[in-house]
Amino acid sequence: MLLAEVKRLLQLRSGPPAAPEGEPPAKRTGELLKSFRRIPVSVKGRVVSSGIQSSHPGANRLEFGVVDKRGRRTLPHPYIRPAMERMEGPITALLESRL
């Protein structure tokens, strides 16, 4: 569910112009979108965990923004945090119904 929401947010906008600060990034090459994978579900006692991860080198930079060594600023374009906020309720409800 979380991975699907991240992918949905990443596909909202494509090409120029750049997305406004605070909005999900514009899709350019699709490499960020293709880089996400699910982390398998782990159950340890009463704790269930899972998640998603990206192998894209710019994933964190886009999510949080950064100022590099030369002073160039990349504006934050969150897409993971909004997806997590949006999916928290449905994921919790799903887990509660199945456990």
PDB file of N, CA and C in Angstrom:
ATOM      1  N   MET A   1       0.821  -1.189   0.000  1.00  0.00           N
ATOM      2  CA  MET A   1       0.000   0.000   0.000  1.00  0.00           C
ATOM      3  C   MET A   1       0.872   1.263   0.000  1.00  0.00           C
ATOM      4  N   LEU A   2       1.913   1.247   0.838  1.00  0.00           N
ATOM      5  CA  LEU A   2       2.795   2.414   0.915  1.00  0.00           C
ATOM      6  C   LEU A   2       3.555   2.599  -0.382  1.00  0.00           C
ATOM      7  N   LEU A   3       4.066   1.516  -0.948  1.00  0.00           N
ATOM      8  CA  LEU A   3       4.806   1.599  -2.203  1.00  0.00           C
ATOM      9  C   LEU A   3       3.913   2.127  -3.326  1.00  0.00           C
ATOM     10  N   ALA A   4       2.691   1.665  -3.375  1.00  0.00           N
ATOM     11  CA  ALA A   4       1.754   2.136  -4.403  1.00  0.00           C
ATOM     12  C   ALA A   4       1.489   3.630  -4.253  1.00  0.00           C
ATOM     13  N   GLU A   5       1.375   4.113  -3.026  1.00  0.00           N
ATOM     14  CA  GLU A   5       1.120   5.537  -2.803  1.00  0.00           C
ATOM     15  C   GLU A   5       2.340   6.374  -3.171  1.00  0.00           C
ATOM     16  N   VAL A   6       3.544   5.907  -2.835  1.00  0.00           N
ATOM     17  CA  VAL A   6       4.763   6.626  -3.229  1.00  0.00           C
ATOM     18  C   VAL A   6       4.827   6.723  -4.742  1.00  0.00           C
ATOM     19  N   LYS A   7       4.574   5.622  -5.418  1.00  0.00           N
ATOM     20  CA  LYS A   7       4.613   5.630  -6.881  1.00  0.00           C
ATOM     21  C   LYS A   7       3.545   6.552  -7.463  1.00  0.00           C
ATOM     22  N   ARG A   8       2.374   6.575  -6.840  1.00  0.00           N
ATOM     23  CA  ARG A   8       1.314   7.473  -7.317  1.00  0.00           C
ATOM     24  C   ARG A   8       1.760   8.925  -7.209  1.00  0.00           C
ATOM     25  N   LEU A   9       2.352   9.284  -6.069  1.00  0.00           N
ATOM     26  CA  LEU A   9       2.808  10.656  -5.872  1.00  0.00           C
ATOM     27  C   LEU A   9       3.916  11.030  -6.855  1.00  0.00           C
ATOM     28  N   LEU A  10       4.798  10.087  -7.137  1.00  0.00           N
ATOM     29  CA  LEU A  10       5.897  10.366  -8.054  1.00  0.00           C
ATOM     30  C   LEU A  10       5.432  10.505  -9.503  1.00  0.00           C
ATOM     31  N   GLN A  11       4.241  10.027  -9.805  1.00  0.00           N
ATOM     32  CA  GLN A  11       3.730  10.112 -11.172  1.00  0.00           C
ATOM     33  C   GLN A  11       2.758  11.274 -11.380  1.00  0.00           C
ATOM     34  N   LEU A  12       2.539  12.078 -10.350  1.00  0.00           N
ATOM     35  CA  LEU A  12       1.586  13.181 -10.471  1.00  0.00           C
ATOM     36  C   LEU A  12       2.013  14.232 -11.485  1.00  0.00           C
ATOM     37  N   ARG A  13       3.298  14.454 -11.595  1.00  0.00           N
ATOM     38  CA  ARG A  13       3.824  15.542 -12.405  1.00  0.00           C
ATOM     39  C   ARG A  13       4.982  15.001 -13.232  1.00  0.00           C
ATOM     40  N   SER A  14       5.069  15.382 -14.493  1.00  0.00           N
ATOM     41  CA  SER A  14       6.208  14.929 -15.294  1.00  0.00           C
ATOM     42  C   SER A  14       6.776  16.078 -16.102  1.00  0.00           C
ATOM     43  N   GLY A  15       8.096  16.025 -16.279  1.00  0.00           N
ATOM     44  CA  GLY A  15       8.802  17.009 -17.095  1.00  0.00           C
ATOM     45  C   GLY A  15       8.825  18.393 -16.504  1.00  0.00           C
ATOM     46  N   PRO A  16       9.415  19.350 -17.243  1.00  0.00           N
ATOM     47  CA  PRO A  16       9.471  20.736 -16.770  1.00  0.00           C
ATOM     48  C   PRO A  16       8.073  21.324 -16.728  1.00  0.00           C
ATOM     49  N   PRO A  17       7.815  22.334 -15.966  1.00  0.00           N
ATOM     50  CA  PRO A  17       8.750  22.979 -15.047  1.00  0.00           C
ATOM     51  C   PRO A  17       8.918  22.152 -13.780  1.00  0.00           C
ATOM     52  N   ALA A  18       9.915  22.504 -13.018  1.00  0.00           N
ATOM     53  CA  ALA A  18      10.174  21.799 -11.762  1.00  0.00           C
ATOM     54  C   ALA A  18       8.990  21.976 -10.816  1.00  0.00           C
ATOM     55  N   ALA A  19       8.802  20.997  -9.967  1.00  0.00           N
ATOM     56  CA  ALA A  19       7.723  21.056  -8.978  1.00  0.00           C
ATOM     57  C   ALA A  19       8.023  22.138  -7.957  1.00  0.00           C
ATOM     58  N   PRO A  20       6.991  22.793  -7.441  1.00  0.00           N
ATOM     59  CA  PRO A  20       7.207  23.785  -6.384  1.00  0.00           C
ATOM     60  C   PRO A  20       7.744  23.123  -5.118  1.00  0.00           C
ATOM     61  N   GLU A  21       8.465  23.884  -4.329  1.00  0.00           N
ATOM     62  CA  GLU A  21       8.986  23.371  -3.061  1.00  0.00           C
ATOM     63  C   GLU A  21       7.847  22.813  -2.228  1.00  0.00           C
ATOM     64  N   GLY A  22       8.076  21.663  -1.610  1.00  0.00           N
ATOM     65  CA  GLY A  22       7.067  21.043  -0.761  1.00  0.00           C
ATOM     66  C   GLY A  22       6.148  20.088  -1.490  1.00  0.00           C
ATOM     67  N   GLU A  23       6.194  20.075  -2.822  1.00  0.00           N
ATOM     68  CA  GLU A  23       5.384  19.166  -3.625  1.00  0.00           C
ATOM     69  C   GLU A  23       6.248  17.994  -4.079  1.00  0.00           C
ATOM     70  N   PRO A  24       5.643  16.831  -4.381  1.00  0.00           N
ATOM     71  CA  PRO A  24       6.444  15.719  -4.901  1.00  0.00           C
ATOM     72  C   PRO A  24       7.227  16.151  -6.140  1.00  0.00           C
ATOM     73  N   PRO A  25       8.404  15.571  -6.359  1.00  0.00           N
ATOM     74  CA  PRO A  25       9.223  15.980  -7.496  1.00  0.00           C
ATOM     75  C   PRO A  25       8.577  15.607  -8.826  1.00  0.00           C
ATOM     76  N   ALA A  26       8.934  16.357  -9.864  1.00  0.00           N
ATOM     77  CA  ALA A  26       8.465  16.036 -11.202  1.00  0.00           C
ATOM     78  C   ALA A  26       9.202  14.808 -11.717  1.00  0.00           C
ATOM     79  N   LYS A  27       8.493  13.967 -12.432  1.00  0.00           N
ATOM     80  CA  LYS A  27       9.095  12.763 -13.010  1.00  0.00           C
ATOM     81  C   LYS A  27       9.854  13.181 -14.264  1.00  0.00           C
ATOM     82  N   ARG A  28      11.133  12.860 -14.303  1.00  0.00           N
ATOM     83  CA  ARG A  28      11.943  13.193 -15.478  1.00  0.00           C
ATOM     84  C   ARG A  28      12.311  11.935 -16.243  1.00  0.00           C
ATOM     85  N   THR A  29      13.108  11.070 -15.634  1.00  0.00           N
ATOM     86  CA  THR A  29      13.548   9.857 -16.329  1.00  0.00           C
ATOM     87  C   THR A  29      12.820   8.610 -15.841  1.00  0.00           C
ATOM     88  N   GLY A  30      12.209   8.675 -14.681  1.00  0.00           N
ATOM     89  CA  GLY A  30      11.536   7.519 -14.108  1.00  0.00           C
ATOM     90  C   GLY A  30      12.456   6.622 -13.293  1.00  0.00           C
ATOM     91  N   GLU A  31      13.739   7.000 -13.193  1.00  0.00           N
ATOM     92  CA  GLU A  31      14.692   6.172 -12.442  1.00  0.00           C
ATOM     93  C   GLU A  31      14.360   6.117 -10.951  1.00  0.00           C
ATOM     94  N   LEU A  32      13.964   7.247 -10.362  1.00  0.00           N
ATOM     95  CA  LEU A  32      13.588   7.256  -8.943  1.00  0.00           C
ATOM     96  C   LEU A  32      12.394   6.329  -8.729  1.00  0.00           C
ATOM     97  N   LEU A  33      11.411   6.433  -9.563  1.00  0.00           N
ATOM     98  CA  LEU A  33      10.206   5.609  -9.466  1.00  0.00           C
ATOM     99  C   LEU A  33      10.550   4.121  -9.539  1.00  0.00           C
ATOM    100  N   LYS A  34      11.441   3.745 -10.449  1.00  0.00           N
ATOM    101  CA  LYS A  34      11.820   2.343 -10.622  1.00  0.00           C
ATOM    102  C   LYS A  34      12.732   1.829  -9.511  1.00  0.00           C
ATOM    103  N   SER A  35      13.317   2.724  -8.727  1.00  0.00           N
ATOM    104  CA  SER A  35      14.312   2.312  -7.734  1.00  0.00           C
ATOM    105  C   SER A  35      13.707   1.784  -6.436  1.00  0.00           C
ATOM    106  N   PHE A  36      12.412   1.931  -6.235  1.00  0.00           N
ATOM    107  CA  PHE A  36      11.801   1.519  -4.972  1.00  0.00           C
ATOM    108  C   PHE A  36      11.481   0.033  -4.934  1.00  0.00           C
ATOM    109  N   ARG A  37      11.724  -0.544  -3.761  1.00  0.00           N
ATOM    110  CA  ARG A  37      11.432  -1.953  -3.507  1.00  0.00           C
ATOM    111  C   ARG A  37      10.789  -2.094  -2.135  1.00  0.00           C
ATOM    112  N   ARG A  38      10.018  -3.147  -1.962  1.00  0.00           N
ATOM    113  CA  ARG A  38       9.432  -3.452  -0.654  1.00  0.00           C
ATOM    114  C   ARG A  38      10.475  -4.097   0.243  1.00  0.00           C
ATOM    115  N   ILE A  39      10.424  -3.795   1.516  1.00  0.00           N
ATOM    116  CA  ILE A  39      11.195  -4.512   2.526  1.00  0.00           C
ATOM    117  C   ILE A  39      10.254  -5.586   3.046  1.00  0.00           C
ATOM    118  N   PRO A  40      10.667  -6.854   3.010  1.00  0.00           N
ATOM    119  CA  PRO A  40       9.771  -7.941   3.432  1.00  0.00           C
ATOM    120  C   PRO A  40       9.249  -7.742   4.860  1.00  0.00           C
ATOM    121  N   VAL A  41       8.053  -8.233   5.082  1.00  0.00           N
ATOM    122  CA  VAL A  41       7.424  -8.157   6.400  1.00  0.00           C
ATOM    123  C   VAL A  41       8.212  -9.005   7.387  1.00  0.00           C
ATOM    124  N   SER A  42       8.407  -8.442   8.580  1.00  0.00           N
ATOM    125  CA  SER A  42       9.097  -9.143   9.659  1.00  0.00           C
ATOM    126  C   SER A  42       8.174  -9.150  10.871  1.00  0.00           C
ATOM    127  N   VAL A  43       7.993 -10.317  11.470  1.00  0.00           N
ATOM    128  CA  VAL A  43       7.170 -10.432  12.672  1.00  0.00           C
ATOM    129  C   VAL A  43       8.059 -10.952  13.789  1.00  0.00           C
ATOM    130  N   LYS A  44       8.192 -10.158  14.837  1.00  0.00           N
ATOM    131  CA  LYS A  44       8.966 -10.554  16.012  1.00  0.00           C
ATOM    132  C   LYS A  44       8.082 -10.351  17.232  1.00  0.00           C
ATOM    133  N   GLY A  45       7.542 -11.429  17.721  1.00  0.00           N
ATOM    134  CA  GLY A  45       6.613 -11.331  18.846  1.00  0.00           C
ATOM    135  C   GLY A  45       5.365 -10.595  18.426  1.00  0.00           C
ATOM    136  N   ARG A  46       5.114  -9.476  19.073  1.00  0.00           N
ATOM    137  CA  ARG A  46       3.927  -8.673  18.761  1.00  0.00           C
ATOM    138  C   ARG A  46       4.245  -7.495  17.861  1.00  0.00           C
ATOM    139  N   VAL A  47       5.468  -7.447  17.337  1.00  0.00           N
ATOM    140  CA  VAL A  47       5.891  -6.328  16.493  1.00  0.00           C
ATOM    141  C   VAL A  47       5.957  -6.783  15.037  1.00  0.00           C
ATOM    142  N   VAL A  48       5.223  -6.080  14.185  1.00  0.00           N
ATOM    143  CA  VAL A  48       5.226  -6.341  12.748  1.00  0.00           C
ATOM    144  C   VAL A  48       5.857  -5.132  12.081  1.00  0.00           C
ATOM    145  N   SER A  49       6.834  -5.389  11.210  1.00  0.00           N
ATOM    146  CA  SER A  49       7.459  -4.266  10.516  1.00  0.00           C
ATOM    147  C   SER A  49       7.660  -4.598   9.050  1.00  0.00           C
ATOM    148  N   SER A  50       7.708  -3.565   8.262  1.00  0.00           N
ATOM    149  CA  SER A  50       7.949  -3.660   6.831  1.00  0.00           C
ATOM    150  C   SER A  50       8.281  -2.254   6.356  1.00  0.00           C
ATOM    151  N   GLY A  51       8.419  -2.068   5.100  1.00  0.00           N
ATOM    152  CA  GLY A  51       8.694  -0.734   4.594  1.00  0.00           C
ATOM    153  C   GLY A  51       9.055  -0.769   3.131  1.00  0.00           C
ATOM    154  N   ILE A  52       9.639   0.335   2.696  1.00  0.00           N
ATOM    155  CA  ILE A  52      10.113   0.451   1.323  1.00  0.00           C
ATOM    156  C   ILE A  52      11.506   1.050   1.365  1.00  0.00           C
ATOM    157  N   GLN A  53      12.267   0.834   0.302  1.00  0.00           N
ATOM    158  CA  GLN A  53      13.588   1.441   0.210  1.00  0.00           C
ATOM    159  C   GLN A  53      13.867   1.789  -1.241  1.00  0.00           C
ATOM    160  N   SER A  54      14.762   2.738  -1.421  1.00  0.00           N
ATOM    161  CA  SER A  54      15.155   3.167  -2.753  1.00  0.00           C
ATOM    162  C   SER A  54      16.651   3.008  -2.915  1.00  0.00           C
ATOM    163  N   SER A  55      17.068   2.573  -4.088  1.00  0.00           N
ATOM    164  CA  SER A  55      18.487   2.485  -4.408  1.00  0.00           C
ATOM    165  C   SER A  55      18.956   3.715  -5.176  1.00  0.00           C
ATOM    166  N   HIS A  56      18.072   4.678  -5.397  1.00  0.00           N
ATOM    167  CA  HIS A  56      18.411   5.887  -6.155  1.00  0.00           C
ATOM    168  C   HIS A  56      19.274   6.809  -5.299  1.00  0.00           C
ATOM    169  N   PRO A  57      20.415   7.281  -5.812  1.00  0.00           N
ATOM    170  CA  PRO A  57      21.304   8.122  -5.001  1.00  0.00           C
ATOM    171  C   PRO A  57      20.703   9.480  -4.619  1.00  0.00           C
ATOM    172  N   GLY A  58      19.702   9.944  -5.332  1.00  0.00           N
ATOM    173  CA  GLY A  58      19.117  11.247  -5.019  1.00  0.00           C
ATOM    174  C   GLY A  58      17.817  11.184  -4.245  1.00  0.00           C
ATOM    175  N   ALA A  59      17.405   9.997  -3.808  1.00  0.00           N
ATOM    176  CA  ALA A  59      16.111   9.850  -3.139  1.00  0.00           C
ATOM    177  C   ALA A  59      16.009  10.702  -1.879  1.00  0.00           C
ATOM    178  N   ASN A  60      17.011  10.645  -1.007  1.00  0.00           N
ATOM    179  CA  ASN A  60      16.981  11.446   0.227  1.00  0.00           C
ATOM    180  C   ASN A  60      17.096  12.931  -0.064  1.00  0.00           C
ATOM    181  N   ARG A  61      17.921  13.278  -1.035  1.00  0.00           N
ATOM    182  CA  ARG A  61      18.097  14.692  -1.391  1.00  0.00           C
ATOM    183  C   ARG A  61      16.772  15.298  -1.843  1.00  0.00           C
ATOM    184  N   LEU A  62      16.011  14.565  -2.641  1.00  0.00           N
ATOM    185  CA  LEU A  62      14.716  15.070  -3.091  1.00  0.00           C
ATOM    186  C   LEU A  62      13.709  15.136  -1.955  1.00  0.00           C
ATOM    187  N   GLU A  63      13.707  14.134  -1.086  1.00  0.00           N
ATOM    188  CA  GLU A  63      12.748  14.100   0.025  1.00  0.00           C
ATOM    189  C   GLU A  63      12.967  15.243   1.010  1.00  0.00           C
ATOM    190  N   PHE A  64      14.218  15.483   1.396  1.00  0.00           N
ATOM    191  CA  PHE A  64      14.512  16.429   2.471  1.00  0.00           C
ATOM    192  C   PHE A  64      15.147  17.740   2.022  1.00  0.00           C
ATOM    193  N   GLY A  65      15.667  17.794   0.807  1.00  0.00           N
ATOM    194  CA  GLY A  65      16.413  18.966   0.369  1.00  0.00           C
ATOM    195  C   GLY A  65      17.810  18.930   0.966  1.00  0.00           C
ATOM    196  N   VAL A  66      18.725  19.683   0.380  1.00  0.00           N
ATOM    197  CA  VAL A  66      20.110  19.673   0.847  1.00  0.00           C
ATOM    198  C   VAL A  66      20.847  20.881   0.279  1.00  0.00           C
ATOM    199  N   VAL A  67      21.896  21.271   0.962  1.00  0.00           N
ATOM    200  CA  VAL A  67      22.832  22.248   0.427  1.00  0.00           C
ATOM    201  C   VAL A  67      24.149  21.500   0.247  1.00  0.00           C
ATOM    202  N   ASP A  68      24.668  21.457  -0.985  1.00  0.00           N
ATOM    203  CA  ASP A  68      25.888  20.693  -1.229  1.00  0.00           C
ATOM    204  C   ASP A  68      27.136  21.487  -0.842  1.00  0.00           C
ATOM    205  N   LYS A  69      28.298  20.897  -1.060  1.00  0.00           N
ATOM    206  CA  LYS A  69      29.571  21.506  -0.662  1.00  0.00           C
ATOM    207  C   LYS A  69      29.838  22.821  -1.371  1.00  0.00           C
ATOM    208  N   ARG A  70      29.258  23.014  -2.532  1.00  0.00           N
ATOM    209  CA  ARG A  70      29.444  24.265  -3.283  1.00  0.00           C
ATOM    210  C   ARG A  70      28.392  25.318  -2.937  1.00  0.00           C
ATOM    211  N   GLY A  71      27.523  24.989  -2.000  1.00  0.00           N
ATOM    212  CA  GLY A  71      26.494  25.939  -1.593  1.00  0.00           C
ATOM    213  C   GLY A  71      25.238  25.905  -2.445  1.00  0.00           C
ATOM    214  N   ARG A  72      25.138  24.940  -3.358  1.00  0.00           N
ATOM    215  CA  ARG A  72      23.939  24.826  -4.192  1.00  0.00           C
ATOM    216  C   ARG A  72      22.844  24.144  -3.387  1.00  0.00           C
ATOM    217  N   ARG A  73      21.653  24.705  -3.460  1.00  0.00           N
ATOM    218  CA  ARG A  73      20.544  24.207  -2.658  1.00  0.00           C
ATOM    219  C   ARG A  73      19.568  23.415  -3.527  1.00  0.00           C
ATOM    220  N   THR A  74      19.212  22.226  -3.059  1.00  0.00           N
ATOM    221  CA  THR A  74      18.134  21.452  -3.652  1.00  0.00           C
ATOM    222  C   THR A  74      16.942  21.605  -2.724  1.00  0.00           C
ATOM    223  N   LEU A  75      15.839  22.089  -3.259  1.00  0.00           N
ATOM    224  CA  LEU A  75      14.638  22.283  -2.449  1.00  0.00           C
ATOM    225  C   LEU A  75      14.031  20.933  -2.081  1.00  0.00           C
ATOM    226  N   PRO A  76      13.395  20.851  -0.909  1.00  0.00           N
ATOM    227  CA  PRO A  76      12.753  19.584  -0.534  1.00  0.00           C
ATOM    228  C   PRO A  76      11.486  19.341  -1.359  1.00  0.00           C
ATOM    229  N   HIS A  77      11.347  18.116  -1.829  1.00  0.00           N
ATOM    230  CA  HIS A  77      10.161  17.674  -2.568  1.00  0.00           C
ATOM    231  C   HIS A  77       9.690  16.366  -1.939  1.00  0.00           C
ATOM    232  N   PRO A  78       9.059  16.458  -0.760  1.00  0.00           N
ATOM    233  CA  PRO A  78       8.668  15.236  -0.042  1.00  0.00           C
ATOM    234  C   PRO A  78       7.645  14.410  -0.805  1.00  0.00           C
ATOM    235  N   TYR A  79       7.863  13.128  -0.798  1.00  0.00           N
ATOM    236  CA  TYR A  79       6.928  12.188  -1.408  1.00  0.00           C
ATOM    237  C   TYR A  79       6.761  10.957  -0.524  1.00  0.00           C
ATOM    238  N   ILE A  80       7.775  10.619   0.284  1.00  0.00           N
ATOM    239  CA  ILE A  80       7.667   9.466   1.181  1.00  0.00           C
ATOM    240  C   ILE A  80       6.863   9.838   2.425  1.00  0.00           C
ATOM    241  N   ARG A  81       7.191  10.966   3.048  1.00  0.00           N
ATOM    242  CA  ARG A  81       6.467  11.360   4.267  1.00  0.00           C
ATOM    243  C   ARG A  81       4.982  11.577   4.002  1.00  0.00           C
ATOM    244  N   PRO A  82       4.592  12.278   2.916  1.00  0.00           N
ATOM    245  CA  PRO A  82       3.152  12.397   2.656  1.00  0.00           C
ATOM    246  C   PRO A  82       2.479  11.047   2.391  1.00  0.00           C
ATOM    247  N   ALA A  83       3.191  10.140   1.723  1.00  0.00           N
ATOM    248  CA  ALA A  83       2.621   8.807   1.482  1.00  0.00           C
ATOM    249  C   ALA A  83       2.427   8.063   2.793  1.00  0.00           C
ATOM    250  N   MET A  84       3.405   8.169   3.695  1.00  0.00           N
ATOM    251  CA  MET A  84       3.290   7.507   4.997  1.00  0.00           C
ATOM    252  C   MET A  84       2.125   8.077   5.796  1.00  0.00           C
ATOM    253  N   GLU A  85       1.973   9.392   5.794  1.00  0.00           N
ATOM    254  CA  GLU A  85       0.863  10.012   6.520  1.00  0.00           C
ATOM    255  C   GLU A  85      -0.480   9.568   5.959  1.00  0.00           C
ATOM    256  N   ARG A  86      -0.566   9.514   4.640  1.00  0.00           N
ATOM    257  CA  ARG A  86      -1.824   9.149   3.988  1.00  0.00           C
ATOM    258  C   ARG A  86      -2.184   7.683   4.208  1.00  0.00           C
ATOM    259  N   MET A  87      -1.185   6.814   4.274  1.00  0.00           N
ATOM    260  CA  MET A  87      -1.426   5.376   4.366  1.00  0.00           C
ATOM    261  C   MET A  87      -1.408   4.823   5.779  1.00  0.00           C
ATOM    262  N   GLU A  88      -1.050   5.631   6.767  1.00  0.00           N
ATOM    263  CA  GLU A  88      -0.963   5.129   8.143  1.00  0.00           C
ATOM    264  C   GLU A  88      -2.279   4.506   8.615  1.00  0.00           C
ATOM    265  N   GLY A  89      -3.368   5.202   8.425  1.00  0.00           N
ATOM    266  CA  GLY A  89      -4.678   4.694   8.851  1.00  0.00           C
ATOM    267  C   GLY A  89      -5.070   3.409   8.142  1.00  0.00           C
ATOM    268  N   PRO A  90      -5.040   3.387   6.803  1.00  0.00           N
ATOM    269  CA  PRO A  90      -5.414   2.158   6.102  1.00  0.00           C
ATOM    270  C   PRO A  90      -4.509   0.961   6.430  1.00  0.00           C
ATOM    271  N   ILE A  91      -3.209   1.198   6.581  1.00  0.00           N
ATOM    272  CA  ILE A  91      -2.303   0.097   6.914  1.00  0.00           C
ATOM    273  C   ILE A  91      -2.588  -0.419   8.318  1.00  0.00           C
ATOM    274  N   THR A  92      -2.804   0.492   9.256  1.00  0.00           N
ATOM    275  CA  THR A  92      -3.121   0.088  10.646  1.00  0.00           C
ATOM    276  C   THR A  92      -4.415  -0.723  10.662  1.00  0.00           C
ATOM    277  N   ALA A  93      -5.423  -0.262   9.954  1.00  0.00           N
ATOM    278  CA  ALA A  93      -6.693  -0.978   9.901  1.00  0.00           C
ATOM    279  C   ALA A  93      -6.530  -2.368   9.294  1.00  0.00           C
ATOM    280  N   LEU A  94      -5.727  -2.483   8.246  1.00  0.00           N
ATOM    281  CA  LEU A  94      -5.481  -3.768   7.620  1.00  0.00           C
ATOM    282  C   LEU A  94      -4.797  -4.732   8.582  1.00  0.00           C
ATOM    283  N   LEU A  95      -3.774  -4.241   9.261  1.00  0.00           N
ATOM    284  CA  LEU A  95      -3.061  -5.088  10.222  1.00  0.00           C
ATOM    285  C   LEU A  95      -3.946  -5.519  11.378  1.00  0.00           C
ATOM    286  N   GLU A  96      -4.749  -4.591  11.891  1.00  0.00           N
ATOM    287  CA  GLU A  96      -5.646  -4.930  12.997  1.00  0.00           C
ATOM    288  C   GLU A  96      -6.683  -5.969  12.586  1.00  0.00           C
ATOM    289  N   SER A  97      -7.144  -5.896  11.352  1.00  0.00           N
ATOM    290  CA  SER A  97      -8.151  -6.854  10.908  1.00  0.00           C
ATOM    291  C   SER A  97      -7.577  -8.241  10.683  1.00  0.00           C
ATOM    292  N   ARG A  98      -6.289  -8.321  10.418  1.00  0.00           N
ATOM    293  CA  ARG A  98      -5.668  -9.616  10.120  1.00  0.00           C
ATOM    294  C   ARG A  98      -4.935 -10.234  11.300  1.00  0.00           C
ATOM    295  N   LEU A  99      -4.707  -9.443  12.336  1.00  0.00           N
ATOM    296  CA  LEU A  99      -3.969  -9.993  13.481  1.00  0.00           C
ATOM    297  C   LEU A  99      -4.885 -10.323  14.594  1.00  0.00           C
TER     298      LEU A  99
END
